[in-house]
Amino acid sequence: MTSNYFLQADPRTILQDYPVGTAFLDGPARLSRDELRNLQESRFSSVIARAWEVPFYQRRWSAIGLEKEDIKEIDDLPKIPTFSKTDLMESVEAYPPFGDFHGLGDNFSNAVLHTTSGTTGTPQPLFFGPYDREVQNVLLARAYILQGMQKGDVAHSVYGYGMVNGGHYVREAVTHFTDAMYIPAGTGRDTPTSQQIEMMHRYGATAILGFADYIKRLADAAVEVGMKPGEDIPLKMISGHIGQEDKAAISEAWGGAAVYDWYGVGDTGIIAGEGPSHNGLYVWEDAHIIEMLDPEGGTALPDGHTGNICATPLFKTGVYPIVRFDTKDLSKLMAPAPESGINFKRMPGFQGRSDNMVKLRGINVYPTAIGTLLDQHRATTGEYICRLTRSGSRDELTVVVETKELGTSLTLEIEAILKKGLGVSVKVQLVSPGETATDTQVETRQKPIRLVDLR
């Protein structure tokens, strides 16, 4: 008997609606802007109809006087208030334990529950129904296949497991919708780093999937045990959350493997993925409406302007419909690149968080962006942590940087690089390789800690 989950998900229909590989390149990728808009409008109307059935939206939209006839098309989106994780956690507090945003009522049959990591408080529940879960999976597989994943590949994943979605979601995408073999290694907490290196060598890993920080750590670990990344471990591709990291440096560390970025959040799944042209991340516009919002005013910004990524998935018509979710992640929208054969808009990827910003002497500093600047100096390892303190009436930021050598002149050189890149002076403290690991938790966390607020 086939599981009710897969009967509800209907993978064959999903692949028709959201194709991968050649079917994607010959289908949705070639849509004109008018054809794409018509497709989006059709899917948008279904999402809005479902959202009106969910208490979370009913009370929020009714509170500002919205009625069903007020939202007829995508151009009506600005009428709808955005929401963020804060609003979801208020929902959980008011309607424990799950909140009132999932739309399941008392019927949780076949629903999948994950949570956020909970590093800043109570974990947020994340709900998925069979259909929207598998659409997210197929959209991630679309990115992997576009990046070159194929039959015969061995994909070594360093995404974490447990209650967070990461490792489970990636595993399902690879095993359900690609022909690659999947190795669920997890983080260094799941499988020790030294053991991961041995496994990659033994099983012939051709791809690493994960966050940039730990992928770089694995390359260092391979060298430490006498292996040559790229030869003893013949990777052809690295795909993960790269953000502003130096792709060239990551590629070089792994013997020239191609490095690809993709972006998404736990609530929505993948939103955009990079392709062989390496000219930005293609926004899966057949599956999402993406806006960039002014972090202060909340208004939608024109293409080319950096703001908060705000997502309205067009496939979440069952469990937890999402309409104008403000992720607080920063990026911008760019025009399509027709020469790539994909007519979707693009984005440069994750560029920091508007709610994890430090203001120094009137300058906005994003701790997650500092790694890219540090990569400019050959002596750095890429590992660092920022410590925010208060001196009198003003804030001070000290960047603790791991380097292969120490010295006053090196400190001054790195301070100069950071001042030029950030537009404001920060203090630099140099430490030996591995000394920030306890604070960043790079071996055990999917996203290392980069800022400690000591004020």
Protein backbone atom coordinates (compact mmCIF):
# COMPACT_ATOMS: atom_id res chain seq x y z
CA MET A 1 0.00 0.00 0.00
CA THR A 2 1.37 3.43 -0.94
CA SER A 3 1.78 5.88 1.94
CA ASN A 4 -0.89 8.57 2.14
CA TYR A 5 1.97 11.07 2.25
CA PHE A 6 3.05 10.29 -1.31
CA LEU A 7 -0.53 10.02 -2.55
CA GLN A 8 -1.08 13.57 -1.30
CA ALA A 9 2.27 14.80 -2.57
CA ASP A 10 1.78 13.35 -6.07
CA PRO A 11 5.44 13.64 -7.24
CA ARG A 12 4.56 13.08 -10.92
CA THR A 13 2.33 16.16 -10.95
CA ILE A 14 4.95 18.15 -9.04
CA LEU A 15 7.56 17.35 -11.68
CA GLN A 16 5.16 18.50 -14.39
CA ASP A 17 4.47 21.77 -12.58
CA TYR A 18 8.02 22.39 -11.35
CA PRO A 19 10.32 20.48 -13.74
CA VAL A 20 14.05 19.89 -13.34
CA GLY A 21 16.95 19.37 -15.74
CA THR A 22 16.26 19.68 -19.45
CA ALA A 23 12.51 19.94 -18.83
CA PHE A 24 13.14 23.04 -16.72
CA LEU A 25 15.50 24.64 -19.25
CA ASP A 26 13.06 23.97 -22.11
CA GLY A 27 10.01 24.93 -20.04
CA PRO A 28 9.70 27.51 -17.22
CA ALA A 29 13.18 28.92 -17.84
CA ARG A 30 12.14 30.05 -21.34
CA LEU A 31 8.89 31.76 -20.36
CA SER A 32 8.55 35.36 -21.44
CA ARG A 33 7.93 37.89 -18.67
CA ASP A 34 4.24 38.07 -19.67
CA GLU A 35 3.87 34.28 -19.70
CA LEU A 36 5.60 34.03 -16.34
CA ARG A 37 3.36 36.72 -14.86
CA ASN A 38 0.23 34.87 -16.00
CA LEU A 39 1.50 31.69 -14.35
CA GLN A 40 2.33 33.57 -11.15
CA GLU A 41 -1.10 35.22 -11.02
CA SER A 42 -2.84 31.86 -11.29
CA ARG A 43 -0.81 30.36 -8.48
CA PHE A 44 -0.99 33.53 -6.38
CA SER A 45 -4.80 33.49 -6.35
CA SER A 46 -4.77 29.96 -4.91
CA VAL A 47 -2.33 30.99 -2.15
CA ILE A 48 -4.45 34.00 -1.18
CA ALA A 49 -7.64 31.95 -1.11
CA ARG A 50 -5.98 29.46 1.24
CA ALA A 51 -4.48 32.20 3.44
CA TRP A 52 -7.95 33.66 4.09
CA GLU A 53 -8.85 30.30 5.69
CA VAL A 54 -5.98 30.52 8.21
CA PRO A 55 -6.64 32.28 11.56
CA PHE A 56 -3.22 33.98 11.58
CA TYR A 57 -4.01 35.87 8.38
CA GLN A 58 -7.69 36.36 9.15
CA ARG A 59 -6.98 38.31 12.32
CA ARG A 60 -3.99 40.26 10.95
CA TRP A 61 -5.63 41.25 7.70
CA SER A 62 -9.04 42.00 9.20
CA ALA A 63 -7.39 44.18 11.85
CA ILE A 64 -6.34 46.66 9.15
CA GLY A 65 -9.64 46.49 7.32
CA LEU A 66 -8.67 44.17 4.46
CA GLU A 67 -11.45 42.18 2.81
CA LYS A 68 -11.22 39.29 0.36
CA GLU A 69 -12.04 41.41 -2.67
CA ASP A 70 -9.15 43.77 -1.84
CA ILE A 71 -6.52 41.23 -2.89
CA LYS A 72 -7.10 40.12 -6.47
CA GLU A 73 -3.65 40.16 -8.09
CA ILE A 74 0.05 40.40 -7.38
CA ASP A 75 -0.05 44.19 -7.68
CA ASP A 76 -2.19 44.17 -4.52
CA LEU A 77 0.65 42.73 -2.43
CA PRO A 78 1.65 46.11 -0.92
CA LYS A 79 -1.79 46.25 0.73
CA ILE A 80 -0.88 43.18 2.78
CA PRO A 81 1.19 43.60 5.96
CA THR A 82 4.46 41.71 6.07
CA PHE A 83 5.29 39.36 8.93
CA SER A 84 8.49 38.00 10.41
CA LYS A 85 9.68 35.38 12.84
CA THR A 86 8.71 37.73 15.69
CA ASP A 87 5.06 37.59 14.61
CA LEU A 88 5.19 33.80 14.32
CA MET A 89 6.61 33.46 17.83
CA GLU A 90 3.90 35.78 19.16
CA SER A 91 1.39 33.44 17.51
CA VAL A 92 3.01 30.45 19.26
CA GLU A 93 2.87 32.24 22.60
CA ALA A 94 -0.79 33.19 22.15
CA TYR A 95 -1.86 29.81 20.78
CA PRO A 96 0.55 27.22 22.21
CA PRO A 97 2.21 24.99 21.35
CA PHE A 98 2.04 25.40 17.55
CA GLY A 99 0.55 28.85 16.95
CA ASP A 100 -2.33 29.56 14.58
CA PHE A 101 -0.40 30.07 11.33
CA HIS A 102 -0.23 26.47 10.09
CA GLY A 103 -3.88 26.13 9.05
CA LEU A 104 -4.08 22.48 10.14
CA GLY A 105 -6.81 22.87 12.75
CA ASP A 106 -6.82 19.64 14.76
CA ASN A 107 -5.78 17.45 11.83
CA PHE A 108 -2.03 16.90 11.79
CA SER A 109 -2.17 13.77 9.63
CA ASN A 110 0.92 13.45 7.38
CA ALA A 111 2.23 16.87 8.43
CA VAL A 112 5.99 17.20 8.95
CA LEU A 113 7.22 19.22 11.94
CA HIS A 114 10.68 20.74 12.23
CA THR A 115 11.84 23.75 14.23
CA THR A 116 14.36 26.53 13.92
CA SER A 117 17.58 26.14 15.91
CA GLY A 118 16.34 28.23 18.84
CA THR A 119 19.70 29.95 19.33
CA THR A 120 17.98 33.26 20.12
CA GLY A 121 15.09 31.86 22.15
CA THR A 122 12.28 29.33 21.90
CA PRO A 123 12.50 27.33 18.64
CA GLN A 124 9.88 28.24 16.03
CA PRO A 125 7.75 25.35 14.75
CA LEU A 126 8.02 24.78 11.00
CA PHE A 127 5.18 22.85 9.37
CA PHE A 128 5.15 21.15 6.00
CA GLY A 129 2.42 19.26 4.19
CA PRO A 130 3.23 16.44 1.74
CA TYR A 131 2.73 18.59 -1.37
CA ASP A 132 4.62 21.72 -0.36
CA ARG A 133 7.37 19.63 1.23
CA GLU A 134 8.04 17.78 -2.00
CA VAL A 135 7.83 20.96 -4.09
CA GLN A 136 10.59 22.41 -1.91
CA ASN A 137 12.56 19.21 -2.45
CA VAL A 138 12.17 19.29 -6.22
CA LEU A 139 13.16 22.97 -6.38
CA LEU A 140 16.38 22.21 -4.51
CA ALA A 141 17.02 19.25 -6.80
CA ARG A 142 16.50 21.64 -9.74
CA ALA A 143 19.44 23.68 -8.45
CA TYR A 144 21.67 20.67 -7.85
CA ILE A 145 21.00 19.27 -11.33
CA LEU A 146 21.57 22.70 -12.94
CA GLN A 147 24.91 22.79 -11.10
CA GLY A 148 25.94 19.44 -12.57
CA MET A 149 24.79 16.75 -10.15
CA GLN A 150 24.09 13.54 -12.07
CA LYS A 151 24.01 9.77 -11.95
CA GLY A 152 27.22 8.37 -10.48
CA ASP A 153 27.87 11.34 -8.20
CA VAL A 154 28.46 10.77 -4.49
CA ALA A 155 27.07 13.72 -2.53
CA HIS A 156 28.61 14.18 0.93
CA SER A 157 26.28 16.38 2.99
CA VAL A 158 27.44 18.27 6.08
CA TYR A 159 24.07 19.79 6.89
CA GLY A 160 22.91 19.08 10.43
CA TYR A 161 20.08 16.81 11.51
CA GLY A 162 17.98 16.76 14.65
CA MET A 163 14.96 19.07 14.78
CA VAL A 164 16.28 21.61 12.26
CA ASN A 165 15.18 21.09 8.68
CA GLY A 166 18.55 21.32 6.92
CA GLY A 167 19.93 17.81 6.61
CA HIS A 168 16.54 16.15 6.23
CA TYR A 169 15.46 18.54 3.48
CA VAL A 170 18.70 18.12 1.51
CA ARG A 171 18.57 14.34 1.88
CA GLU A 172 15.02 14.23 0.53
CA ALA A 173 15.87 16.51 -2.40
CA VAL A 174 18.84 14.38 -3.48
CA THR A 175 17.26 10.95 -2.90
CA HIS A 176 13.79 11.78 -4.24
CA PHE A 177 14.66 13.84 -7.31
CA THR A 178 18.27 13.21 -8.42
CA ASP A 179 20.23 10.08 -9.37
CA ALA A 180 23.19 10.78 -7.04
CA MET A 181 24.20 8.67 -4.04
CA TYR A 182 23.76 10.53 -0.75
CA ILE A 183 26.05 10.38 2.30
CA PRO A 184 24.36 11.94 5.38
CA ALA A 185 27.51 12.86 7.32
CA GLY A 186 26.02 15.87 9.12
CA THR A 187 28.06 18.37 11.12
CA GLY A 188 31.19 17.62 13.10
CA ARG A 189 28.92 16.84 16.03
CA ASP A 190 27.12 14.14 14.02
CA THR A 191 30.28 12.65 12.47
CA PRO A 192 33.75 13.76 13.67
CA THR A 193 35.65 15.81 11.11
CA SER A 194 38.52 13.31 10.82
CA GLN A 195 36.03 10.52 10.16
CA GLN A 196 34.31 12.60 7.49
CA ILE A 197 37.60 13.00 5.62
CA GLU A 198 38.16 9.24 5.71
CA MET A 199 34.62 8.60 4.43
CA MET A 200 34.95 11.08 1.58
CA HIS A 201 38.18 9.41 0.50
CA ARG A 202 36.87 5.86 0.91
CA TYR A 203 33.55 6.39 -0.87
CA GLY A 204 34.83 8.71 -3.59
CA ALA A 205 32.84 11.85 -2.80
CA THR A 206 32.33 14.03 -5.88
CA ALA A 207 30.23 16.75 -4.24
CA ILE A 208 30.03 18.46 -0.85
CA LEU A 209 26.74 20.01 0.25
CA GLY A 210 26.71 22.40 3.21
CA PHE A 211 27.69 25.73 4.71
CA ALA A 212 30.90 27.39 3.54
CA ASP A 213 32.54 27.59 6.96
CA TYR A 214 32.58 23.85 7.60
CA ILE A 215 33.39 23.04 3.98
CA LYS A 216 36.57 25.13 4.38
CA ARG A 217 37.30 23.39 7.69
CA LEU A 218 37.10 20.00 5.95
CA ALA A 219 39.70 21.07 3.38
CA ASP A 220 42.08 22.07 6.17
CA ALA A 221 41.41 18.78 7.95
CA ALA A 222 42.24 16.81 4.80
CA VAL A 223 45.61 18.55 4.53
CA GLU A 224 46.27 17.92 8.23
CA VAL A 225 46.06 14.16 7.69
CA GLY A 226 48.27 14.27 4.61
CA MET A 227 45.63 14.17 1.88
CA LYS A 228 45.48 16.40 -1.19
CA PRO A 229 41.95 17.77 -1.67
CA GLY A 230 41.04 17.37 -5.34
CA GLU A 231 43.29 14.34 -5.78
CA ASP A 232 42.68 12.00 -2.85
CA ILE A 233 39.11 13.38 -2.70
CA PRO A 234 38.20 14.18 -6.34
CA LEU A 235 35.41 16.71 -5.86
CA LYS A 236 33.82 18.23 -8.95
CA MET A 237 31.27 20.48 -7.23
CA ILE A 238 30.55 22.23 -3.94
CA SER A 239 27.02 23.50 -3.40
CA GLY A 240 25.72 25.26 -0.35
CA HIS A 241 25.20 28.46 1.52
CA ILE A 242 28.21 30.43 0.34
CA GLY A 243 26.92 34.00 0.64
CA GLN A 244 29.75 36.52 0.46
CA GLU A 245 32.50 33.98 1.02
CA ASP A 246 35.40 33.90 -1.46
CA LYS A 247 34.39 31.17 -3.91
CA ALA A 248 37.79 31.20 -5.55
CA ALA A 249 39.47 30.47 -2.22
CA ILE A 250 37.06 27.62 -1.47
CA SER A 251 37.57 26.17 -4.93
CA GLU A 252 41.34 26.38 -4.62
CA ALA A 253 41.23 24.67 -1.22
CA TRP A 254 39.40 21.75 -2.88
CA GLY A 255 41.59 21.39 -5.94
CA GLY A 256 39.54 23.54 -8.33
CA ALA A 257 36.04 22.15 -7.67
CA ALA A 258 33.21 24.34 -9.01
CA VAL A 259 31.52 26.26 -6.18
CA TYR A 260 27.81 27.09 -6.31
CA ASP A 261 25.64 29.16 -4.00
CA TRP A 262 21.95 28.81 -3.24
CA TYR A 263 19.61 30.72 -0.95
CA GLY A 264 16.55 29.79 1.06
CA VAL A 265 15.14 29.79 4.59
CA GLY A 266 13.49 27.10 6.67
CA ASP A 267 9.96 28.44 6.14
CA THR A 268 10.12 28.62 2.34
CA GLY A 269 12.80 26.19 1.23
CA ILE A 270 15.10 27.20 -1.62
CA ILE A 271 14.29 30.53 -3.25
CA ALA A 272 17.22 30.95 -5.66
CA GLY A 273 20.13 28.91 -6.98
CA GLU A 274 23.30 29.57 -8.95
CA GLY A 275 23.97 27.95 -12.32
CA PRO A 276 26.99 27.16 -14.52
CA SER A 277 27.27 30.78 -15.70
CA HIS A 278 28.11 31.95 -12.14
CA ASN A 279 26.34 35.23 -12.87
CA GLY A 280 24.09 35.36 -9.82
CA LEU A 281 21.42 33.14 -8.27
CA TYR A 282 18.33 32.54 -10.40
CA VAL A 283 15.18 33.26 -8.42
CA TRP A 284 12.71 30.41 -8.95
CA GLU A 285 10.05 32.88 -10.08
CA ASP A 286 7.65 30.15 -11.13
CA ALA A 287 7.51 29.20 -7.44
CA HIS A 288 8.00 32.50 -5.57
CA ILE A 289 7.14 36.18 -5.60
CA ILE A 290 10.20 37.94 -4.16
CA GLU A 291 10.31 41.56 -3.02
CA MET A 292 13.13 43.55 -1.45
CA LEU A 293 11.96 45.74 1.42
CA ASP A 294 13.47 48.85 2.95
CA PRO A 295 14.74 47.53 6.32
CA GLU A 296 13.56 50.68 8.08
CA GLY A 297 10.38 51.69 6.28
CA GLY A 298 9.22 48.28 5.06
CA THR A 299 8.30 49.55 1.59
CA ALA A 300 9.16 47.55 -1.54
CA LEU A 301 12.36 48.68 -3.27
CA PRO A 302 13.09 48.81 -7.03
CA ASP A 303 15.36 46.19 -8.58
CA GLY A 304 19.02 46.87 -7.89
CA HIS A 305 18.46 48.20 -4.36
CA THR A 306 19.53 46.18 -1.31
CA GLY A 307 16.82 45.33 1.18
CA ASN A 308 15.19 42.57 3.21
CA ILE A 309 14.20 39.52 1.17
CA CYS A 310 10.41 39.17 1.42
CA ALA A 311 8.95 35.90 0.12
CA THR A 312 5.52 34.72 -1.02
CA PRO A 313 5.81 31.07 -2.14
CA LEU A 314 3.31 30.20 -4.86
CA PHE A 315 3.05 26.49 -4.02
CA LYS A 316 2.07 26.65 -0.34
CA THR A 317 -1.67 26.20 -0.76
CA GLY A 318 -2.11 23.66 2.03
CA VAL A 319 -0.07 23.69 5.22
CA TYR A 320 1.32 27.05 6.40
CA PRO A 321 0.65 29.33 3.42
CA ILE A 322 3.17 32.18 3.39
CA VAL A 323 2.26 35.67 2.21
CA ARG A 324 4.93 38.40 2.49
CA PHE A 325 7.36 36.77 4.93
CA ASP A 326 10.12 39.26 5.80
CA THR A 327 13.19 37.07 6.26
CA LYS A 328 15.40 39.96 7.49
CA ASP A 329 18.08 38.59 5.13
CA LEU A 330 19.61 41.23 2.86
CA SER A 331 20.04 41.01 -0.90
CA LYS A 332 18.80 42.67 -4.10
CA LEU A 333 17.02 41.72 -7.31
CA MET A 334 18.81 41.90 -10.65
CA ALA A 335 17.50 41.67 -14.21
CA PRO A 336 17.47 38.30 -16.00
CA ALA A 337 20.53 37.23 -18.01
CA PRO A 338 19.01 36.02 -21.30
CA GLU A 339 22.33 34.60 -22.51
CA SER A 340 22.10 32.01 -19.72
CA GLY A 341 18.91 30.55 -21.19
CA ILE A 342 17.02 31.30 -17.97
CA ASN A 343 14.62 34.24 -18.08
CA PHE A 344 14.21 34.54 -14.31
CA LYS A 345 15.45 37.49 -12.27
CA ARG A 346 18.61 36.99 -10.26
CA MET A 347 20.04 37.92 -6.88
CA PRO A 348 23.65 38.02 -5.66
CA GLY A 349 22.81 35.80 -2.70
CA PHE A 350 22.83 36.38 1.05
CA GLN A 351 24.44 39.69 2.00
CA GLY A 352 23.91 39.80 5.75
CA ARG A 353 20.99 40.29 8.15
CA SER A 354 19.34 43.59 8.86
CA ASP A 355 18.61 42.48 12.44
CA ASN A 356 22.22 41.40 13.09
CA MET A 357 23.80 44.72 12.30
CA VAL A 358 26.19 46.79 14.38
CA LYS A 359 26.14 50.57 13.99
CA LEU A 360 29.60 52.08 14.55
CA ARG A 361 29.98 55.85 14.29
CA GLY A 362 26.98 56.00 11.96
CA ILE A 363 28.18 53.12 9.72
CA ASN A 364 26.23 49.86 9.37
CA VAL A 365 28.53 46.86 9.90
CA TYR A 366 27.36 43.30 9.21
CA PRO A 367 29.48 40.72 11.08
CA THR A 368 28.62 37.97 8.58
CA ALA A 369 30.23 40.03 5.80
CA ILE A 370 33.61 40.35 7.49
CA GLY A 371 34.80 36.91 6.37
CA THR A 372 34.96 38.03 2.74
CA LEU A 373 37.22 40.92 3.68
CA LEU A 374 39.52 38.70 5.74
CA ASP A 375 39.93 36.36 2.77
CA GLN A 376 41.86 39.15 1.05
CA HIS A 377 44.88 38.46 3.28
CA ARG A 378 46.88 35.28 2.71
CA ALA A 379 47.68 34.88 6.43
CA THR A 380 44.05 34.45 7.56
CA THR A 381 42.33 31.08 7.86
CA GLY A 382 38.82 32.45 7.30
CA GLU A 383 37.78 31.89 10.92
CA TYR A 384 36.87 34.83 13.14
CA ILE A 385 34.44 36.12 15.73
CA CYS A 386 33.32 39.69 16.51
CA ARG A 387 33.01 40.98 20.06
CA LEU A 388 30.85 44.05 20.64
CA THR A 389 31.62 46.10 23.76
CA ARG A 390 30.71 49.53 25.13
CA SER A 391 33.44 52.08 25.86
CA GLY A 392 31.98 55.12 27.55
CA SER A 393 29.13 56.28 25.33
CA ARG A 394 30.10 54.49 22.14
CA ASP A 395 30.19 50.91 20.91
CA GLU A 396 33.45 49.22 19.93
CA LEU A 397 33.90 46.15 17.75
CA THR A 398 36.87 43.81 18.11
CA VAL A 399 37.38 41.21 15.39
CA VAL A 400 39.22 38.16 16.70
CA VAL A 401 40.95 36.68 13.64
CA GLU A 402 42.65 33.31 13.23
CA THR A 403 45.92 33.66 11.31
CA LYS A 404 48.80 31.40 10.33
CA GLU A 405 51.26 33.87 11.84
CA LEU A 406 51.15 36.61 14.48
CA GLY A 407 52.67 40.06 14.81
CA THR A 408 51.96 43.76 15.19
CA SER A 409 52.52 44.54 11.51
CA LEU A 410 50.03 41.84 10.49
CA THR A 411 47.47 43.25 12.91
CA LEU A 412 47.85 46.67 11.32
CA GLU A 413 47.52 45.22 7.82
CA ILE A 414 44.26 43.44 8.65
CA GLU A 415 42.89 46.50 10.46
CA ALA A 416 43.57 48.51 7.29
CA ILE A 417 41.74 45.93 5.12
CA LEU A 418 38.71 46.00 7.41
CA LYS A 419 38.66 49.81 7.62
CA LYS A 420 38.69 50.07 3.83
CA GLY A 421 35.99 47.44 3.38
CA LEU A 422 33.72 48.49 6.24
CA GLY A 423 34.20 52.25 6.08
CA VAL A 424 34.97 52.45 9.80
CA SER A 425 37.85 51.43 12.07
CA VAL A 426 37.57 48.27 14.18
CA LYS A 427 40.05 46.62 16.52
CA VAL A 428 41.74 43.38 15.48
CA GLN A 429 43.04 40.65 17.76
CA LEU A 430 45.07 37.87 16.15
CA VAL A 431 44.93 34.30 17.46
CA SER A 432 46.30 30.97 16.26
CA PRO A 433 44.28 28.55 14.08
CA GLY A 434 41.50 26.84 16.00
CA GLU A 435 41.31 29.34 18.88
CA THR A 436 37.92 30.78 17.89
CA ALA A 437 36.28 27.37 17.43
CA THR A 438 34.85 27.20 20.96
CA ASP A 439 33.08 30.54 20.52
CA THR A 440 31.97 30.12 16.90
CA GLN A 441 31.07 26.42 17.32
CA VAL A 442 32.11 25.93 13.69
CA GLU A 443 32.56 22.18 14.18
CA THR A 444 29.02 21.62 15.47
CA ARG A 445 26.74 24.36 14.14
CA GLN A 446 25.43 24.73 10.59
CA LYS A 447 25.82 28.50 10.92
CA PRO A 448 28.80 29.48 13.09
CA ILE A 449 28.35 32.29 15.61
CA ARG A 450 30.03 35.44 14.31
CA LEU A 451 28.94 38.07 16.86
CA VAL A 452 29.04 38.09 20.64
CA ASP A 453 27.38 41.14 22.22
CA LEU A 454 29.17 41.92 25.52
CA ARG A 455 27.60 45.32 26.15
